[in-house]
Protein backbone atom coordinates (compact mmCIF):
# COMPACT_ATOMS: atom_id res chain seq x y z
CA MET A 1 42.22 41.10 53.03
CA THR A 2 42.08 42.26 56.60
CA PHE A 3 39.09 42.15 58.85
CA GLY A 4 36.54 44.99 57.97
CA GLU A 5 37.89 45.38 54.41
CA GLN A 6 35.29 44.97 51.59
CA PRO A 7 35.83 44.05 47.94
CA ALA A 8 35.77 47.24 45.82
CA TYR A 9 32.48 46.20 44.16
CA LEU A 10 30.77 46.17 47.56
CA ARG A 11 32.19 49.48 48.51
CA VAL A 12 30.83 51.14 45.15
CA ALA A 13 27.46 49.45 45.51
CA GLY A 14 27.30 50.66 49.10
CA ASP A 15 27.89 54.18 48.21
CA LEU A 16 25.50 54.10 45.26
CA ARG A 17 22.87 52.43 47.54
CA GLN A 18 23.17 55.18 50.16
CA LYS A 19 22.72 57.68 47.64
CA ILE A 20 19.47 55.92 46.64
CA VAL A 21 18.39 55.82 50.18
CA ASP A 22 19.16 59.42 50.81
CA GLY A 23 17.19 60.62 47.67
CA GLN A 24 20.20 61.81 45.97
CA LEU A 25 19.41 59.26 43.24
CA PRO A 26 15.39 59.51 43.21
CA PRO A 27 13.13 56.81 41.51
CA HIS A 28 13.28 56.88 37.86
CA THR A 29 16.71 58.38 37.89
CA ARG A 30 19.13 56.85 35.63
CA LEU A 31 21.92 55.22 37.48
CA PRO A 32 25.46 56.44 36.53
CA SER A 33 26.85 54.50 33.39
CA GLN A 34 29.42 51.87 33.78
CA ALA A 35 32.01 54.22 32.39
CA ARG A 36 30.95 56.94 34.88
CA ILE A 37 31.13 54.62 37.76
CA ARG A 38 34.64 53.65 36.71
CA GLN A 39 35.81 57.08 36.40
CA GLU A 40 34.15 58.57 39.62
CA TYR A 41 35.47 55.58 41.84
CA GLY A 42 38.68 54.70 40.02
CA VAL A 43 37.62 51.19 39.65
CA SER A 44 37.83 48.66 36.68
CA ASP A 45 34.95 47.87 34.41
CA THR A 46 34.49 44.64 36.02
CA VAL A 47 34.23 46.20 39.52
CA ALA A 48 31.64 48.88 38.14
CA LEU A 49 29.54 45.74 36.58
CA GLU A 50 29.44 43.94 39.59
CA ALA A 51 28.54 46.81 41.70
CA ARG A 52 25.32 47.37 39.47
CA LYS A 53 24.54 43.71 39.61
CA VAL A 54 24.68 44.04 43.25
CA LEU A 55 21.98 46.89 43.26
CA MET A 56 19.85 44.92 40.74
CA ALA A 57 19.63 41.91 42.90
CA GLU A 58 18.67 43.98 45.91
CA GLY A 59 15.99 45.32 43.83
CA LEU A 60 16.91 48.78 44.03
CA VAL A 61 17.51 49.32 40.35
CA GLU A 62 16.13 47.93 37.16
CA GLY A 63 17.55 47.66 33.65
CA ARG A 64 15.33 49.11 30.58
CA SER A 65 16.12 47.54 27.34
CA GLY A 66 18.06 49.90 25.06
CA SER A 67 17.77 52.91 27.79
CA GLY A 68 20.11 51.84 30.81
CA THR A 69 19.69 51.19 34.42
CA TYR A 70 17.16 53.17 36.69
CA VAL A 71 16.20 53.67 40.39
CA ARG A 72 13.23 51.60 41.09
CA GLU A 73 10.12 53.07 43.02
CA ARG A 74 10.55 52.06 46.48
CA PRO A 75 6.95 51.02 47.82
CA VAL A 76 5.93 51.63 51.42
CA PRO A 77 5.27 48.19 52.97
CA ARG A 78 1.84 47.40 53.89
CA ARG A 79 0.52 45.35 56.56
CA ILE A 80 -1.15 41.90 56.11
CA SER A 81 -2.70 40.78 59.27
CA ARG A 82 -3.04 37.22 60.38
CA SER A 83 -4.46 35.88 63.54
CA GLY A 84 -6.75 33.11 64.98
CA TYR A 85 -9.61 35.53 65.19
CA ARG A 86 -12.43 34.46 63.04
CA PRO A 87 -15.05 37.30 62.12
CA THR A 88 -18.60 36.74 62.46
CA GLY A 89 -21.19 37.53 59.81
CA GLY A 90 -19.91 35.38 57.16
CA ALA A 91 -16.80 37.07 56.23
CA THR A 92 -14.41 35.22 54.10
CA PRO A 93 -10.92 34.25 55.49
CA PHE A 94 -9.26 36.63 52.85
CA ARG A 95 -10.54 39.52 55.02
CA GLN A 96 -8.04 38.82 57.75
CA GLU A 97 -5.23 38.62 55.26
CA GLN A 98 -5.64 41.98 53.83
CA ALA A 99 -3.38 44.86 54.33
CA ASP A 100 -6.26 46.61 56.60
CA GLY A 101 -9.45 46.08 57.95
CA GLU A 102 -11.31 48.09 55.31
CA GLY A 103 -9.60 46.42 52.21
CA ARG A 104 -11.76 44.79 49.65
CA GLY A 105 -9.95 42.02 47.91
CA THR A 106 -10.70 39.46 45.16
CA TRP A 107 -8.98 36.18 44.38
CA GLU A 108 -8.75 33.68 41.64
CA SER A 109 -8.38 30.00 42.19
CA SER A 110 -8.06 26.49 40.50
CA SER A 111 -8.01 23.13 41.92
CA GLU A 112 -6.93 19.65 40.61
CA GLN A 113 -6.36 16.32 41.98
CA SER A 114 -2.49 15.44 42.39
CA GLU A 115 -0.19 13.22 44.17
CA ALA A 116 1.31 14.44 47.35
CA SER A 117 5.17 15.11 47.08
CA VAL A 118 7.26 13.88 49.79
CA ALA A 119 7.62 17.40 51.36
CA VAL A 120 3.69 17.83 51.30
CA ALA A 121 3.07 14.17 52.47
CA GLU A 122 5.31 14.90 55.61
CA ARG A 123 3.35 17.98 56.18
CA LEU A 124 -0.03 16.22 56.09
CA GLY A 125 1.14 13.06 57.75
CA ILE A 126 0.39 10.84 54.65
CA GLU A 127 2.42 8.66 52.45
CA PRO A 128 3.91 10.12 49.35
CA GLY A 129 1.95 9.57 46.25
CA GLU A 130 -1.46 9.71 48.17
CA ARG A 131 -4.14 11.87 46.40
CA VAL A 132 -4.54 15.22 47.41
CA MET A 133 -6.62 18.19 46.14
CA CYS A 134 -4.39 20.97 45.15
CA THR A 135 -5.65 24.62 44.97
CA ARG A 136 -3.74 27.53 43.61
CA TYR A 137 -4.89 31.11 44.57
CA LEU A 138 -4.00 34.49 43.38
CA TYR A 139 -5.07 37.43 45.74
CA ARG A 140 -5.58 40.94 44.48
CA GLU A 141 -6.21 44.19 46.27
CA GLY A 142 -7.38 46.93 44.36
CA GLY A 143 -6.42 45.08 41.30
CA GLU A 144 -2.83 44.45 42.24
CA ALA A 145 -1.56 40.98 42.78
CA MET A 146 -0.44 40.90 46.57
CA MET A 147 -0.27 37.35 47.46
CA LEU A 148 -0.18 33.74 46.01
CA SER A 149 -1.13 30.54 48.01
CA THR A 150 -0.97 26.98 47.19
CA SER A 151 -2.91 24.53 49.41
CA TRP A 152 -3.09 20.78 49.84
CA GLU A 153 -5.88 18.71 51.44
CA PRO A 154 -5.95 14.87 51.73
CA LEU A 155 -8.64 13.50 49.73
CA ALA A 156 -8.73 10.81 52.47
CA VAL A 157 -10.35 13.40 54.40
CA THR A 158 -12.62 15.44 51.80
CA GLY A 159 -12.88 13.03 49.05
CA ARG A 160 -16.40 12.24 48.02
CA THR A 161 -17.80 14.95 50.26
CA PRO A 162 -19.49 18.36 49.38
CA VAL A 163 -16.36 20.20 50.34
CA MET A 164 -13.86 18.25 48.20
CA LEU A 165 -13.50 21.58 46.06
CA PRO A 166 -12.58 24.25 48.30
CA GLU A 167 -14.17 27.03 46.17
CA GLU A 168 -17.30 25.14 45.34
CA GLY A 169 -20.48 23.74 46.87
CA PRO A 170 -22.57 25.14 49.87
CA VAL A 171 -19.52 26.47 51.85
CA GLY A 172 -17.18 27.03 48.98
CA GLY A 173 -14.90 29.87 49.63
CA MET A 174 -15.42 30.01 53.44
CA GLY A 175 -12.06 28.76 54.57
CA VAL A 176 -10.73 25.63 56.01
CA VAL A 177 -12.40 25.72 59.57
CA GLU A 178 -15.88 26.28 57.98
CA ARG A 179 -15.65 23.74 55.37
CA MET A 180 -14.13 20.96 57.64
CA SER A 181 -16.78 21.76 60.18
CA ALA A 182 -19.52 20.99 57.44
CA ILE A 183 -18.21 17.53 57.30
CA ASP A 184 -17.91 17.01 61.04
CA VAL A 185 -14.21 17.79 61.02
CA ILE A 186 -13.59 20.03 63.84
CA VAL A 187 -10.27 22.29 63.17
CA ASP A 188 -8.87 23.07 66.67
CA ASN A 189 -5.30 24.09 65.82
CA VAL A 190 -3.23 25.93 63.21
CA THR A 191 0.49 26.59 62.93
CA GLU A 192 2.30 29.09 60.84
CA GLU A 193 6.06 29.14 60.01
CA VAL A 194 7.50 32.04 58.22
CA GLY A 195 10.53 31.98 56.12
CA ALA A 196 12.09 34.11 53.30
CA ARG A 197 13.87 33.08 49.99
CA PRO A 198 14.34 34.45 46.48
CA GLY A 199 11.00 34.49 44.49
CA LEU A 200 10.67 31.88 41.83
CA ALA A 201 10.44 33.42 38.30
CA GLU A 202 6.88 32.21 37.81
CA GLU A 203 6.01 33.84 41.08
CA LEU A 204 7.74 37.29 40.34
CA LEU A 205 6.18 37.16 36.92
CA VAL A 206 2.61 37.32 38.57
CA LEU A 207 3.39 39.42 41.61
CA GLY A 208 5.37 42.12 39.80
CA GLY A 209 8.81 41.48 40.97
CA VAL A 210 12.12 41.37 39.45
CA PRO A 211 14.74 38.31 39.59
CA GLY A 212 16.28 38.45 42.84
CA HIS A 213 13.51 39.82 44.80
CA VAL A 214 12.85 38.31 48.12
CA VAL A 215 9.51 36.78 49.09
CA LEU A 216 8.14 35.84 52.52
CA VAL A 217 6.58 32.25 52.59
CA VAL A 218 4.20 31.30 55.31
CA GLN A 219 3.87 27.68 55.69
CA ARG A 220 0.31 26.87 57.54
CA THR A 221 -1.25 23.84 58.46
CA PHE A 222 -4.54 23.22 60.11
CA TYR A 223 -5.00 20.45 62.66
CA ALA A 224 -8.07 18.51 63.83
CA SER A 225 -7.34 16.56 66.96
CA GLY A 226 -3.66 16.42 65.98
CA ARG A 227 -4.50 15.35 62.51
CA PRO A 228 -3.24 17.56 59.58
CA VAL A 229 -6.28 18.37 57.35
CA GLU A 230 -4.75 21.17 55.10
CA THR A 231 -1.46 22.67 54.56
CA ALA A 232 -0.51 25.67 52.47
CA ASP A 233 2.37 27.85 51.20
CA VAL A 234 1.37 31.57 51.17
CA VAL A 235 3.84 33.72 49.02
CA ILE A 236 4.18 37.51 49.83
CA PRO A 237 6.35 40.17 48.17
CA ALA A 238 8.76 41.04 51.01
CA ASP A 239 9.43 44.60 49.57
CA ARG A 240 5.64 45.56 49.59
CA TYR A 241 4.08 43.79 52.60
CA ARG A 242 4.82 42.97 56.26
CA VAL A 243 3.17 40.17 57.96
CA ALA A 244 1.62 41.12 61.32
CA TYR A 245 0.44 38.50 64.02
CA HIS A 246 -2.29 39.23 66.55
CA LEU A 247 -1.75 36.74 69.16
CA PRO A 248 -4.12 36.40 72.23
CA VAL A 249 -2.64 36.35 75.59
CA LYS A 250 -3.96 33.42 77.84
């Protein structure tokens, strides 16, 4: 194959993709059948099948049992704003993670003690196997699942204190900065690293995606005088949201 050439299935997928983008194949339209693709493009059944698989992996089409393959609705990405700004007046941290300043979100959470994995231990600066409080969150906006988060806090910091359970106690639900402050641990730095990967099956089941959909993963860690006191993975559907950062200029 010479430079610039593409396999036949990618050329077919590219043409169908362009028709979807241009609106020639609008949402909810049935994708041409495998036989129709074979006939129209002069390719084999294998090529036609592989082209359809590419479009499914990209999340452009979806299969419906006993009916065929259809063009998916393409959502307009909304913005999730993240910054170091902490609003006054008792606003919860979730307010700054919503798609707009007027949003009103809800969340569900569950916490349990566990042992730090090698990866989590490295992020928290502790030994693998040390006890941590693991809290899982599901965030919703307008009833729609928009974000997942899993956080870990070393029990060496919060154990046997009023803030050991992030969503309970006098400052439950107020976020890491406020909770740590309540036990005289002053958070003075936070880092976030953004990456992307295919969503796990259990994540996409909750977030409403299909196999192959990409998610954004924000790996966040809070520090107090250089010591990590909380780390979390925030998982966001990449086709529905964009992460926007507001960074102060010093």
